[in-house]
């Protein structure tokens, strides 16, 4: 007899069905004869059709997200009835809060199924510890417990009155901490006290946890889970480990040892966390072919800001050869240049030439003309870049790198947009000049942050998301990109003209802030980005570049620390003076 039931709880704050859930159900299906899917968020007809059409589920329940997973499992059990539940060899509760299976699960499932010394089991556990979850209540001791993202109950326990009593009496609680205290952390002890024996794949209770924030290995120690080939990895582990130095190594190890599609982790974490975590970037970097003959059916517009007219033929050559079908919108800074463009290029694909003045470089002209391109499927933004501050070859290599990564593989880029409706931006890889001579330092980025924050506050987001201050940003160098209009329209409507300084621009102007916001605006609008690879430099090049940076700015770094110290001292003095003045006024 082989009759196993899975009660699977799903929740998605965007009311979507994530690909990692579909993958998970496909691979769990071979272990369960019946899968009952409980959704605590809205499921549209297409998502439900995906589950039923691929024979991933046998039953479905749509419910409000009240009482979290425990009430959902309780309602599902009541739906079946405890008499019927007792006829199954095992009943498993699970939710979609983990990726996997990344390692073998079928063998583990079979092993526990045959172990007569175990009545119920899970993936990981957590040790007994004292907590004070509420300020207005006394501290409490949580017992040793199996973590509830996966728990399998064998028939012996399912048939028991203890099982029915526990699941029948689950209450709807609004406080998730109370749910954890009353049900998740109490469940294991409850059934053990009733005489049943428990087990886990990874018993963490006696493991050393030095260096961890909390002794919860499922969330705070991904390397230990990989070391033991744990099949399911908590999504929270990637949230809490987002900037941890080991997380990129975890991803590399998964690539080396498993067949789990890493894009499922990257795509989901982009949605629920942030779009530019270090461990994501390799997956988001594409090596695109320039030899694709298939022409795109997308309606394409290109904006070219032409300050240097001698570069227009170069761009037109790229557009005609690689983009092929497009409408062109040109901006320039003077009436004289406008006349030269009109006279020199009487082309059908040119839909508009506009004089925008010599302020705001390519950004203000782009913002001014963007409304004319709002109804296109895909837009490109380019400009005639040269570098007046450096040797000519710096500006030349920068522009060529971007042309080679965004224009030569244009048809491959268009295919990426066609097959991925969530792709909002395609940016170029870091220009090779910066690979050899480092990029913006955290000091520069810190100085640009106030302008970034100020613009972000002005953007009219439908569903606002927070922008994070970082040492490094993923950005389109020179603002040259391919983009869906919906991904950037609200940013392009923000009025920044008054804050744009006259030439020559400082290195921390509001235009540099705008340049850094493209990826994050697209993400906040519900889209992702991809990077078109220019070249792959090995680690030795990175080491040379990093050390060149340290040597060249060593003095500046010392001065910066001193300057920051002085600022801090003056800030404290200012607070003390303000406080004393306030006290003095009160005493008068």
Protein backbone atom coordinates (compact mmCIF):
# COMPACT_ATOMS: atom_id res chain seq x y z
CA UNK A 1 0.00 0.00 0.00
CA UNK A 2 1.36 3.42 -0.96
CA UNK A 3 -1.03 6.27 -0.24
CA UNK A 4 0.58 9.59 0.73
CA UNK A 5 -1.12 13.00 0.94
CA UNK A 6 0.59 16.40 0.71
CA UNK A 7 -1.18 19.53 2.03
CA UNK A 8 0.72 22.39 0.38
CA UNK A 9 0.18 26.03 1.41
CA UNK A 10 0.97 28.81 -1.05
CA UNK A 11 1.19 32.56 -0.54
CA UNK A 12 2.44 35.31 -2.86
CA UNK A 13 2.10 38.99 -1.99
CA UNK A 14 1.77 39.86 -5.70
CA UNK A 15 -0.91 37.19 -6.22
CA UNK A 16 1.34 35.34 -8.67
CA UNK A 17 2.44 31.73 -9.00
CA UNK A 18 6.24 31.69 -8.84
CA UNK A 19 8.19 29.35 -11.09
CA UNK A 20 10.02 27.84 -8.12
CA UNK A 21 6.64 26.58 -6.80
CA UNK A 22 5.84 24.88 -10.11
CA UNK A 23 9.29 23.27 -10.13
CA UNK A 24 8.85 22.14 -6.53
CA UNK A 25 5.48 20.52 -7.13
CA UNK A 26 6.78 18.73 -10.24
CA UNK A 27 9.56 17.13 -8.25
CA UNK A 28 7.45 16.39 -5.18
CA UNK A 29 4.77 14.73 -7.27
CA UNK A 30 6.72 11.47 -7.50
CA UNK A 31 6.65 11.15 -3.68
CA UNK A 32 2.96 11.86 -3.14
CA UNK A 33 -0.13 10.17 -4.54
CA UNK A 34 -2.32 13.16 -3.78
CA UNK A 35 -1.46 16.87 -3.59
CA UNK A 36 -3.95 19.33 -2.13
CA UNK A 37 -3.03 22.96 -2.89
CA UNK A 38 -4.19 25.67 -0.47
CA UNK A 39 -3.65 29.25 -1.64
CA UNK A 40 -3.65 32.07 0.91
CA UNK A 41 -3.38 34.59 -1.94
CA UNK A 42 -5.49 35.09 -5.04
CA UNK A 43 -4.87 32.62 -7.87
CA UNK A 44 -5.97 33.61 -11.35
CA UNK A 45 -7.37 31.14 -13.87
CA UNK A 46 -4.10 30.87 -15.81
CA UNK A 47 -2.09 29.94 -12.72
CA UNK A 48 -4.65 27.35 -11.67
CA UNK A 49 -4.73 25.98 -15.23
CA UNK A 50 -0.94 25.57 -15.07
CA UNK A 51 -1.21 23.47 -11.90
CA UNK A 52 -4.08 21.31 -13.10
CA UNK A 53 -2.94 21.09 -16.72
CA UNK A 54 0.44 19.69 -15.69
CA UNK A 55 -1.23 17.30 -13.21
CA UNK A 56 0.63 18.89 -10.30
CA UNK A 57 -2.34 19.01 -7.93
CA UNK A 58 -5.43 16.93 -7.21
CA UNK A 59 -7.40 19.43 -5.16
CA UNK A 60 -7.50 23.18 -4.59
CA UNK A 61 -8.68 25.55 -1.87
CA UNK A 62 -8.74 29.33 -2.17
CA UNK A 63 -8.91 31.16 1.17
CA UNK A 64 -8.19 34.48 2.85
CA UNK A 65 -4.77 34.82 4.46
CA UNK A 66 -6.08 34.58 8.01
CA UNK A 67 -4.29 32.59 10.68
CA UNK A 68 -1.34 31.94 8.38
CA UNK A 69 -0.28 28.40 7.43
CA UNK A 70 -1.57 26.60 10.52
CA UNK A 71 -5.17 27.65 9.98
CA UNK A 72 -4.80 26.82 6.28
CA UNK A 73 -3.60 23.29 7.08
CA UNK A 74 -6.33 22.95 9.70
CA UNK A 75 -9.05 23.95 7.23
CA UNK A 76 -7.68 21.52 4.64
CA UNK A 77 -7.77 18.70 7.17
CA UNK A 78 -11.34 19.55 8.12
CA UNK A 79 -12.18 19.61 4.41
CA UNK A 80 -10.95 16.03 4.12
CA UNK A 81 -12.28 14.90 7.48
CA UNK A 82 -10.09 13.11 10.03
CA UNK A 83 -11.65 9.74 9.28
CA UNK A 84 -10.50 9.98 5.69
CA UNK A 85 -7.09 11.37 6.69
CA UNK A 86 -6.58 8.26 8.82
CA UNK A 87 -6.77 6.12 5.67
CA UNK A 88 -3.57 7.64 4.24
CA UNK A 89 -0.17 6.08 4.91
CA UNK A 90 1.08 9.57 5.72
CA UNK A 91 -0.06 13.18 5.70
CA UNK A 92 2.53 15.88 5.03
CA UNK A 93 2.18 19.61 5.69
CA UNK A 94 4.40 21.93 3.66
CA UNK A 95 4.53 25.53 2.48
CA UNK A 96 6.24 27.36 -0.38
CA UNK A 97 8.77 29.23 1.78
CA UNK A 98 11.73 27.24 0.48
CA UNK A 99 13.51 26.43 -2.76
CA UNK A 100 14.03 22.85 -3.77
CA UNK A 101 14.47 20.05 -3.85
CA UNK A 102 18.04 21.05 -4.60
CA UNK A 103 19.53 17.73 -3.47
CA UNK A 104 18.03 14.22 -3.47
CA UNK A 105 14.74 14.12 -1.61
CA UNK A 106 13.23 10.85 -2.82
CA UNK A 107 15.90 8.79 -1.05
CA UNK A 108 15.42 10.69 2.22
CA UNK A 109 11.66 10.33 2.00
CA UNK A 110 11.97 6.59 1.43
CA UNK A 111 14.41 6.20 4.33
CA UNK A 112 12.13 7.93 6.86
CA UNK A 113 9.14 6.08 5.49
CA UNK A 114 10.82 2.77 6.40
CA UNK A 115 12.09 3.91 9.82
CA UNK A 116 9.73 2.41 12.40
CA UNK A 117 11.36 4.46 15.16
CA UNK A 118 9.99 7.70 13.72
CA UNK A 119 6.30 8.71 13.79
CA UNK A 120 6.72 12.24 12.41
CA UNK A 121 9.69 14.07 10.93
CA UNK A 122 10.88 17.25 9.26
CA UNK A 123 13.85 18.85 7.54
CA UNK A 124 15.48 20.92 10.30
CA UNK A 125 14.82 21.75 13.93
CA UNK A 126 15.72 24.46 16.41
CA UNK A 127 16.82 24.11 20.01
CA UNK A 128 14.99 25.20 23.14
CA UNK A 129 15.67 28.81 24.04
CA UNK A 130 14.31 31.69 26.08
CA UNK A 131 12.71 34.64 24.26
CA UNK A 132 10.74 37.76 25.08
CA UNK A 133 8.62 38.23 21.95
CA UNK A 134 6.32 40.86 23.48
CA UNK A 135 7.41 43.87 25.51
CA UNK A 136 4.36 43.76 27.76
CA UNK A 137 4.67 40.06 28.64
CA UNK A 138 7.13 37.91 30.53
CA UNK A 139 9.90 36.01 28.74
CA UNK A 140 9.02 32.45 27.75
CA UNK A 141 10.97 29.28 26.97
CA UNK A 142 10.40 27.76 23.55
CA UNK A 143 10.93 23.97 23.46
CA UNK A 144 13.01 22.01 20.94
CA UNK A 145 10.90 21.87 17.78
CA UNK A 146 10.76 20.73 14.16
CA UNK A 147 10.41 23.72 11.86
CA UNK A 148 7.04 23.69 10.17
CA UNK A 149 7.91 24.36 6.52
CA UNK A 150 7.88 20.57 6.07
CA UNK A 151 6.50 17.98 8.49
CA UNK A 152 5.51 14.41 7.61
CA UNK A 153 3.08 12.52 9.86
CA UNK A 154 2.84 8.74 9.52
CA UNK A 155 -0.49 6.92 9.73
CA UNK A 156 0.03 5.93 13.38
CA UNK A 157 -0.03 9.55 14.50
CA UNK A 158 -2.70 10.67 11.99
CA UNK A 159 -5.11 8.08 13.41
CA UNK A 160 -4.61 9.35 16.96
CA UNK A 161 -6.97 11.53 18.95
CA UNK A 162 -4.01 13.78 19.74
CA UNK A 163 -3.63 14.58 16.04
CA UNK A 164 -7.31 15.40 15.57
CA UNK A 165 -7.41 17.47 18.77
CA UNK A 166 -4.35 19.52 17.82
CA UNK A 167 -5.52 20.37 14.30
CA UNK A 168 -9.18 20.83 15.19
CA UNK A 169 -8.39 23.45 17.82
CA UNK A 170 -6.16 25.74 15.75
CA UNK A 171 -7.34 29.32 16.27
CA UNK A 172 -7.18 32.25 13.85
CA UNK A 173 -4.42 34.48 15.26
CA UNK A 174 -3.40 37.79 13.67
CA UNK A 175 0.02 37.95 15.35
CA UNK A 176 2.48 35.75 13.44
CA UNK A 177 4.74 35.57 16.52
CA UNK A 178 1.84 34.18 18.53
CA UNK A 179 1.28 31.56 15.82
CA UNK A 180 4.94 30.54 16.06
CA UNK A 181 4.85 30.37 19.85
CA UNK A 182 1.47 28.63 20.21
CA UNK A 183 1.65 26.21 17.28
CA UNK A 184 4.95 25.83 15.41
CA UNK A 185 7.29 25.69 18.41
CA UNK A 186 4.76 23.81 20.58
CA UNK A 187 3.72 21.16 18.05
CA UNK A 188 6.74 18.86 18.40
CA UNK A 189 6.57 18.72 22.19
CA UNK A 190 2.80 18.23 22.06
CA UNK A 191 3.08 15.07 19.96
CA UNK A 192 6.15 13.80 21.80
CA UNK A 193 4.28 14.20 25.10
CA UNK A 194 1.49 12.16 23.53
CA UNK A 195 3.97 9.31 23.08
CA UNK A 196 5.10 9.79 19.47
CA UNK A 197 8.71 9.82 18.27
CA UNK A 198 10.13 12.57 16.04
CA UNK A 199 13.05 12.87 13.65
CA UNK A 200 14.76 15.38 11.36
CA UNK A 201 17.22 15.27 8.47
CA UNK A 202 19.52 17.78 10.20
CA UNK A 203 19.40 17.86 14.01
CA UNK A 204 20.89 21.27 14.79
CA UNK A 205 20.40 21.26 18.55
CA UNK A 206 23.99 20.42 19.52
CA UNK A 207 25.74 22.16 16.61
CA UNK A 208 28.09 25.07 17.27
CA UNK A 209 26.52 28.34 16.12
CA UNK A 210 29.32 30.84 16.78
CA UNK A 211 29.18 33.67 14.27
CA UNK A 212 25.48 33.22 13.56
CA UNK A 213 22.93 35.87 14.46
CA UNK A 214 20.55 33.23 15.85
CA UNK A 215 20.92 29.45 16.20
CA UNK A 216 18.41 28.86 13.39
CA UNK A 217 20.48 26.96 10.84
CA UNK A 218 17.66 26.90 8.27
CA UNK A 219 17.93 30.70 7.93
CA UNK A 220 21.39 31.72 9.13
CA UNK A 221 23.73 28.99 7.92
CA UNK A 222 23.29 28.02 4.27
CA UNK A 223 26.81 26.49 4.04
CA UNK A 224 25.99 23.91 6.74
CA UNK A 225 22.81 22.96 4.89
CA UNK A 226 24.78 22.42 1.67
CA UNK A 227 27.43 20.45 3.52
CA UNK A 228 24.70 18.00 4.60
CA UNK A 229 22.87 18.06 1.23
CA UNK A 230 19.64 19.34 2.77
CA UNK A 231 17.03 19.21 -0.02
CA UNK A 232 15.10 22.39 0.82
CA UNK A 233 16.61 25.84 1.39
CA UNK A 234 14.57 28.55 3.06
CA UNK A 235 13.85 31.68 1.05
CA UNK A 236 14.55 33.71 4.19
CA UNK A 237 18.10 32.34 4.18
CA UNK A 238 18.75 34.25 0.95
CA UNK A 239 17.09 37.38 2.35
CA UNK A 240 19.15 37.39 5.54
CA UNK A 241 22.26 36.28 3.66
CA UNK A 242 21.74 38.71 0.79
CA UNK A 243 25.01 40.59 1.32
CA UNK A 244 26.89 37.82 3.09
CA UNK A 245 30.24 36.98 1.50
CA UNK A 246 29.38 33.29 1.46
CA UNK A 247 26.10 33.55 -0.51
CA UNK A 248 27.78 33.79 -3.96
CA UNK A 249 29.79 30.70 -2.94
CA UNK A 250 26.54 28.92 -2.04
CA UNK A 251 25.22 29.65 -5.53
CA UNK A 252 28.45 28.38 -7.10
CA UNK A 253 28.27 25.20 -5.03
CA UNK A 254 24.67 24.59 -6.10
CA UNK A 255 25.72 24.98 -9.73
CA UNK A 256 28.54 22.50 -9.25
CA UNK A 257 26.65 19.84 -7.28
CA UNK A 258 23.01 20.07 -8.32
CA UNK A 259 20.78 20.46 -11.34
CA UNK A 260 18.54 22.97 -9.60
CA UNK A 261 17.86 25.96 -11.93
CA UNK A 262 19.58 28.90 -10.23
CA UNK A 263 17.39 31.36 -12.13
CA UNK A 264 14.46 30.21 -9.95
CA UNK A 265 16.29 31.53 -6.89
CA UNK A 266 17.44 34.72 -8.61
CA UNK A 267 14.08 35.56 -10.15
CA UNK A 268 12.11 35.00 -6.95
CA UNK A 269 14.57 36.85 -4.73
CA UNK A 270 14.48 39.78 -7.16
CA UNK A 271 10.73 39.95 -6.51
CA UNK A 272 10.79 39.55 -2.73
CA UNK A 273 14.15 41.09 -1.84
CA UNK A 274 16.28 43.36 -4.08
CA UNK A 275 17.39 43.16 -7.72
CA UNK A 276 21.18 43.58 -7.56
CA UNK A 277 22.51 41.21 -4.91
CA UNK A 278 26.02 40.05 -5.72
CA UNK A 279 25.02 36.40 -5.99
CA UNK A 280 22.44 37.31 -8.67
CA UNK A 281 24.65 39.16 -11.11
CA UNK A 282 26.25 36.26 -12.95
CA UNK A 283 22.80 34.82 -13.67
CA UNK A 284 21.69 38.22 -14.96
CA UNK A 285 24.70 38.63 -17.26
CA UNK A 286 24.11 37.27 -20.75
CA UNK A 287 26.59 36.44 -23.47
CA UNK A 288 24.50 37.30 -26.52
CA UNK A 289 25.05 36.22 -30.09
CA UNK A 290 25.53 38.74 -32.89
CA UNK A 291 24.69 36.14 -35.54
CA UNK A 292 20.91 35.89 -35.21
CA UNK A 293 19.08 36.24 -38.52
CA UNK A 294 15.54 36.26 -37.14
CA UNK A 295 14.09 39.78 -37.14
CA UNK A 296 12.07 41.00 -34.19
CA UNK A 297 8.38 41.85 -34.48
CA UNK A 298 8.66 44.44 -31.72
CA UNK A 299 7.81 48.04 -32.53
CA UNK A 300 11.10 49.78 -31.75
CA UNK A 301 11.99 53.43 -31.15
CA UNK A 302 15.48 54.83 -30.64
CA UNK A 303 16.46 58.13 -29.08
CA UNK A 304 19.87 59.45 -30.12
CA UNK A 305 21.19 62.60 -28.50
CA UNK A 306 23.64 64.05 -31.02
CA UNK A 307 26.04 66.52 -29.43
CA UNK A 308 28.96 65.40 -31.61
CA UNK A 309 27.58 65.27 -35.13
CA UNK A 310 30.60 63.41 -36.51
CA UNK A 311 29.45 60.29 -34.62
CA UNK A 312 25.97 60.17 -36.17
CA UNK A 313 27.08 58.06 -39.18
CA UNK A 314 28.64 55.50 -36.82
CA UNK A 315 25.38 55.10 -34.92
CA UNK A 316 23.24 55.01 -38.06
CA UNK A 317 25.44 52.25 -39.41
CA UNK A 318 24.89 50.19 -36.24
CA UNK A 319 21.15 50.90 -36.21
CA UNK A 320 20.66 49.94 -39.86
CA UNK A 321 22.83 46.84 -39.71
CA UNK A 322 21.75 45.36 -36.39
CA UNK A 323 18.44 46.95 -35.31
CA UNK A 324 17.06 47.22 -38.85
CA UNK A 325 13.39 48.15 -38.28
CA UNK A 326 13.12 51.21 -36.06
CA UNK A 327 11.87 54.78 -35.71
CA UNK A 328 14.52 57.33 -34.77
CA UNK A 329 14.13 60.41 -32.57
CA UNK A 330 17.12 62.75 -32.51
CA UNK A 331 17.85 65.57 -30.08
CA UNK A 332 20.67 68.10 -30.30
CA UNK A 333 21.72 71.25 -28.48
CA UNK A 334 21.71 74.05 -31.08
CA UNK A 335 19.63 75.27 -34.01
CA UNK A 336 22.71 75.11 -36.25
CA UNK A 337 23.22 71.42 -35.50
CA UNK A 338 19.51 70.83 -36.06
CA UNK A 339 19.81 72.30 -39.57
CA UNK A 340 22.87 70.16 -40.32
CA UNK A 341 21.07 66.98 -39.22
CA UNK A 342 17.95 67.78 -41.28
CA UNK A 343 20.08 68.51 -44.34
CA UNK A 344 22.52 65.59 -44.02
CA UNK A 345 20.06 62.83 -43.09
CA UNK A 346 16.77 62.98 -45.01
CA UNK A 347 15.79 59.51 -43.80
CA UNK A 348 12.30 57.99 -43.49
CA UNK A 349 13.13 56.39 -40.14
CA UNK A 350 13.79 59.79 -38.55
CA UNK A 351 10.47 60.79 -37.02
CA UNK A 352 11.56 63.86 -35.07
CA UNK A 353 14.58 66.13 -34.62
CA UNK A 354 14.39 68.41 -31.60
CA UNK A 355 16.57 71.21 -30.24
CA UNK A 356 16.83 70.82 -26.46
CA UNK A 357 19.68 73.16 -25.51
CA UNK A 358 23.03 72.43 -23.89
CA UNK A 359 21.91 71.47 -20.41
CA UNK A 360 21.49 68.08 -18.85
CA UNK A 361 23.69 66.30 -21.43
CA UNK A 362 21.71 63.36 -22.85
CA UNK A 363 19.36 62.96 -19.86
CA UNK A 364 17.17 66.09 -20.06
CA UNK A 365 16.76 65.69 -23.84
CA UNK A 366 15.77 62.04 -23.27
CA UNK A 367 13.22 63.07 -20.65
CA UNK A 368 11.83 65.71 -23.00
CA UNK A 369 11.34 63.38 -25.95
CA UNK A 370 10.43 60.18 -24.08
CA UNK A 371 6.69 60.86 -24.25
CA UNK A 372 6.86 60.52 -28.05
CA UNK A 373 8.17 56.96 -27.61
CA UNK A 374 5.77 55.86 -24.87
CA UNK A 375 3.62 53.69 -27.16
CA UNK A 376 6.47 51.60 -28.57
CA UNK A 377 7.15 48.03 -27.44
CA UNK A 378 10.82 48.74 -26.86
CA UNK A 379 13.00 51.83 -26.78
CA UNK A 380 16.71 52.45 -27.03
CA UNK A 381 18.53 55.44 -25.60
CA UNK A 382 21.99 56.34 -26.98
CA UNK A 383 24.20 59.38 -27.31
CA UNK A 384 27.36 60.45 -29.09
CA UNK A 385 29.72 59.92 -26.18
CA UNK A 386 33.25 61.26 -26.11
CA UNK A 387 35.53 61.81 -23.12
CA UNK A 388 36.99 65.31 -22.90
CA UNK A 389 38.50 64.70 -19.47
CA UNK A 390 40.68 61.74 -20.49
CA UNK A 391 42.76 60.48 -23.39
CA UNK A 392 40.55 60.01 -26.46
CA UNK A 393 40.88 56.24 -26.24
CA UNK A 394 39.03 56.17 -22.90
CA UNK A 395 35.86 57.71 -24.36
CA UNK A 396 36.32 55.71 -27.55
CA UNK A 397 36.65 52.37 -25.75
CA UNK A 398 33.73 53.21 -23.49
CA UNK A 399 31.43 54.01 -26.42
CA UNK A 400 32.58 51.01 -28.46
CA UNK A 401 32.08 48.63 -25.53
CA UNK A 402 28.48 49.83 -25.20
CA UNK A 403 27.90 49.61 -28.96
CA UNK A 404 29.31 46.09 -29.07
CA UNK A 405 27.16 44.92 -26.16
CA UNK A 406 23.89 46.74 -26.93
CA UNK A 407 23.82 47.22 -30.71
CA UNK A 408 25.72 44.36 -32.35
CA UNK A 409 23.61 41.72 -30.52
CA UNK A 410 20.41 43.78 -30.95
CA UNK A 411 18.31 40.93 -32.39
CA UNK A 412 19.35 38.61 -29.54
CA UNK A 413 18.44 41.36 -27.07
CA UNK A 414 15.02 41.74 -28.68
CA UNK A 415 14.47 38.00 -28.33
CA UNK A 416 15.21 38.24 -24.61
CA UNK A 417 12.52 40.90 -24.27
CA UNK A 418 10.05 38.84 -26.31
CA UNK A 419 10.47 35.66 -24.26
CA UNK A 420 10.62 37.37 -20.84
CA UNK A 421 7.69 39.77 -20.20
CA UNK A 422 9.27 40.80 -16.87
CA UNK A 423 12.45 42.04 -18.52
CA UNK A 424 12.37 45.83 -18.32
CA UNK A 425 15.97 46.86 -19.04
CA UNK A 426 18.99 45.60 -20.92
CA UNK A 427 22.15 47.41 -19.85
CA UNK A 428 25.74 47.07 -20.98
CA UNK A 429 28.39 45.40 -18.86
CA UNK A 430 30.88 47.64 -17.05
CA UNK A 431 33.07 49.24 -19.74
CA UNK A 432 36.49 47.59 -19.91
CA UNK A 433 38.24 50.83 -18.89
CA UNK A 434 36.73 50.42 -15.42
CA UNK A 435 37.71 46.77 -15.29
CA UNK A 436 41.34 47.90 -15.47
CA UNK A 437 41.13 51.18 -13.63
CA UNK A 438 38.37 50.47 -11.07
CA UNK A 439 34.95 52.11 -11.04
CA UNK A 440 33.21 54.61 -8.80
CA UNK A 441 34.31 54.33 -5.18
CA UNK A 442 31.96 54.09 -2.22
CA UNK A 443 33.00 57.68 -1.38
CA UNK A 444 31.63 58.93 -4.71
CA UNK A 445 28.48 56.85 -4.35
CA UNK A 446 27.93 58.19 -0.84
CA UNK A 447 28.07 61.75 -2.16
CA UNK A 448 25.55 60.95 -4.92
CA UNK A 449 23.07 59.25 -2.58
CA UNK A 450 21.16 62.40 -1.42
CA UNK A 451 20.23 63.23 -5.02
CA UNK A 452 19.21 59.63 -5.67
CA UNK A 453 16.97 59.70 -2.62
CA UNK A 454 15.48 63.04 -3.61
CA UNK A 455 14.57 61.84 -7.13
CA UNK A 456 13.18 58.57 -5.75
CA UNK A 457 10.74 60.49 -3.53
CA UNK A 458 9.41 62.32 -6.59
CA UNK A 459 8.74 59.22 -8.70
CA UNK A 460 5.07 58.30 -8.89
CA UNK A 461 5.16 54.56 -8.17
CA UNK A 462 1.98 52.49 -8.28
CA UNK A 463 3.39 50.16 -5.61
CA UNK A 464 6.28 52.01 -3.94
CA UNK A 465 9.37 50.08 -2.89
CA UNK A 466 12.30 51.19 -0.80
CA UNK A 467 15.59 52.30 -2.33
CA UNK A 468 18.72 51.19 -0.49
CA UNK A 469 21.89 53.20 -0.06
CA UNK A 470 24.80 51.05 -1.22
CA UNK A 471 28.55 51.20 -1.78
CA UNK A 472 28.05 50.12 -5.40
CA UNK A 473 25.10 50.32 -7.78
CA UNK A 474 24.31 48.32 -10.88
CA UNK A 475 23.84 50.96 -13.53
CA UNK A 476 23.87 51.63 -17.24
CA UNK A 477 27.15 53.45 -17.70
CA UNK A 478 26.45 56.57 -19.77
CA UNK A 479 22.69 55.83 -19.43
CA UNK A 480 22.67 53.91 -22.74
CA UNK A 481 20.09 51.14 -22.62
CA UNK A 482 17.22 49.21 -24.17
CA UNK A 483 14.03 49.47 -22.13
CA UNK A 484 10.30 48.92 -22.07
CA UNK A 485 8.60 52.33 -21.73
CA UNK A 486 6.46 51.06 -18.82
CA UNK A 487 9.63 50.28 -16.87
CA UNK A 488 10.87 53.89 -16.82
CA UNK A 489 8.01 56.23 -17.80
CA UNK A 490 7.45 57.52 -14.28
CA UNK A 491 11.17 58.26 -13.78
CA UNK A 492 11.36 60.05 -17.13
CA UNK A 493 8.49 62.33 -16.06
CA UNK A 494 10.24 63.61 -12.91
CA UNK A 495 11.30 67.24 -13.14
CA UNK A 496 15.00 67.55 -12.26
CA UNK A 497 15.95 70.42 -14.58
CA UNK A 498 16.34 73.05 -11.87
CA UNK A 499 18.83 70.83 -10.01
CA UNK A 500 21.03 70.16 -13.06
CA UNK A 501 24.24 72.24 -12.88
CA UNK A 502 25.85 73.99 -15.82
CA UNK A 503 28.87 72.47 -17.57
CA UNK A 504 31.41 71.33 -16.60
CA UNK A 505 29.52 68.84 -14.46
CA UNK A 506 30.87 67.76 -11.10
CA UNK A 507 31.28 64.01 -10.62
CA UNK A 508 28.39 63.84 -8.16
CA UNK A 509 25.68 65.71 -10.04
CA UNK A 510 21.99 64.86 -10.13
CA UNK A 511 22.55 63.40 -13.61
CA UNK A 512 24.86 60.80 -12.06
CA UNK A 513 22.12 60.08 -9.54
CA UNK A 514 19.61 59.62 -12.38
CA UNK A 515 22.03 57.23 -14.12
CA UNK A 516 22.08 55.01 -11.04
CA UNK A 517 18.30 54.89 -10.67
CA UNK A 518 17.34 53.19 -13.94
CA UNK A 519 17.73 49.59 -12.75
CA UNK A 520 15.98 50.26 -9.43
CA UNK A 521 13.09 52.20 -10.97
CA UNK A 522 12.48 49.36 -13.39
CA UNK A 523 12.48 46.90 -10.46
CA UNK A 524 10.10 49.06 -8.44
CA UNK A 525 7.79 49.11 -11.45
CA UNK A 526 7.71 45.30 -11.48
CA UNK A 527 10.46 44.61 -14.03
CA UNK A 528 13.89 43.01 -13.94
CA UNK A 529 17.11 43.79 -15.80
CA UNK A 530 19.79 41.88 -17.67
CA UNK A 531 23.40 42.75 -18.45
CA UNK A 532 24.84 42.24 -21.92
CA UNK A 533 28.35 40.95 -21.41
CA UNK A 534 31.29 42.79 -22.93
CA UNK A 535 34.17 40.61 -21.83
CA UNK A 536 35.19 38.36 -18.97
CA UNK A 537 38.24 39.43 -17.04
CA UNK A 538 39.85 36.97 -14.66
CA UNK A 539 40.40 37.51 -10.96
CA UNK A 540 43.96 38.73 -11.45
CA UNK A 541 42.71 41.73 -13.42
CA UNK A 542 40.25 42.50 -10.60
CA UNK A 543 43.06 42.26 -8.05
CA UNK A 544 45.29 44.63 -10.00
CA UNK A 545 42.41 47.09 -10.37
CA UNK A 546 41.48 46.94 -6.67
CA UNK A 547 45.05 47.51 -5.53
CA UNK A 548 45.51 50.34 -8.04
CA UNK A 549 42.48 51.96 -6.41
CA UNK A 550 43.86 51.54 -2.89
CA UNK A 551 47.21 53.06 -3.83
CA UNK A 552 45.82 55.96 -5.84
CA UNK A 553 43.30 57.08 -3.22
CA UNK A 554 45.19 56.14 -0.05
CA UNK A 555 45.73 59.79 0.87
CA UNK A 556 42.17 60.70 -0.07
CA UNK A 557 40.82 57.93 2.14
CA UNK A 558 42.81 59.22 5.11
CA UNK A 559 41.56 62.73 4.49
CA UNK A 560 38.03 61.45 4.13
CA UNK A 561 38.17 59.67 7.49
CA UNK A 562 39.53 62.83 9.11
CA UNK A 563 36.87 64.95 7.43
CA UNK A 564 34.12 62.58 8.58
CA UNK A 565 35.48 62.69 12.13
CA UNK A 566 35.46 66.48 12.14
CA UNK A 567 31.91 66.49 10.74
CA UNK A 568 30.78 64.11 13.45
CA UNK A 569 32.35 66.23 16.20
CA UNK A 570 30.71 69.42 14.90
CA UNK A 571 27.39 67.59 14.60
CA UNK A 572 27.59 66.52 18.25
CA UNK A 573 28.56 70.03 19.34
CA UNK A 574 25.58 71.40 17.40
CA UNK A 575 23.20 68.97 19.14
CA UNK A 576 24.62 69.88 22.59
CA UNK A 577 24.30 73.62 21.89
CA UNK A 578 20.73 73.20 20.62
CA UNK A 579 19.84 71.15 23.69
CA UNK A 580 21.35 73.73 26.08
CA UNK A 581 19.57 76.58 24.30
CA UNK A 582 16.30 74.68 24.62
CA UNK A 583 16.87 74.10 28.35
CA UNK A 584 17.87 77.73 28.77
CA UNK A 585 14.60 78.92 27.19
CA UNK A 586 12.59 76.65 29.49
CA UNK A 587 14.35 78.07 32.55
CA UNK A 588 13.70 81.69 31.64
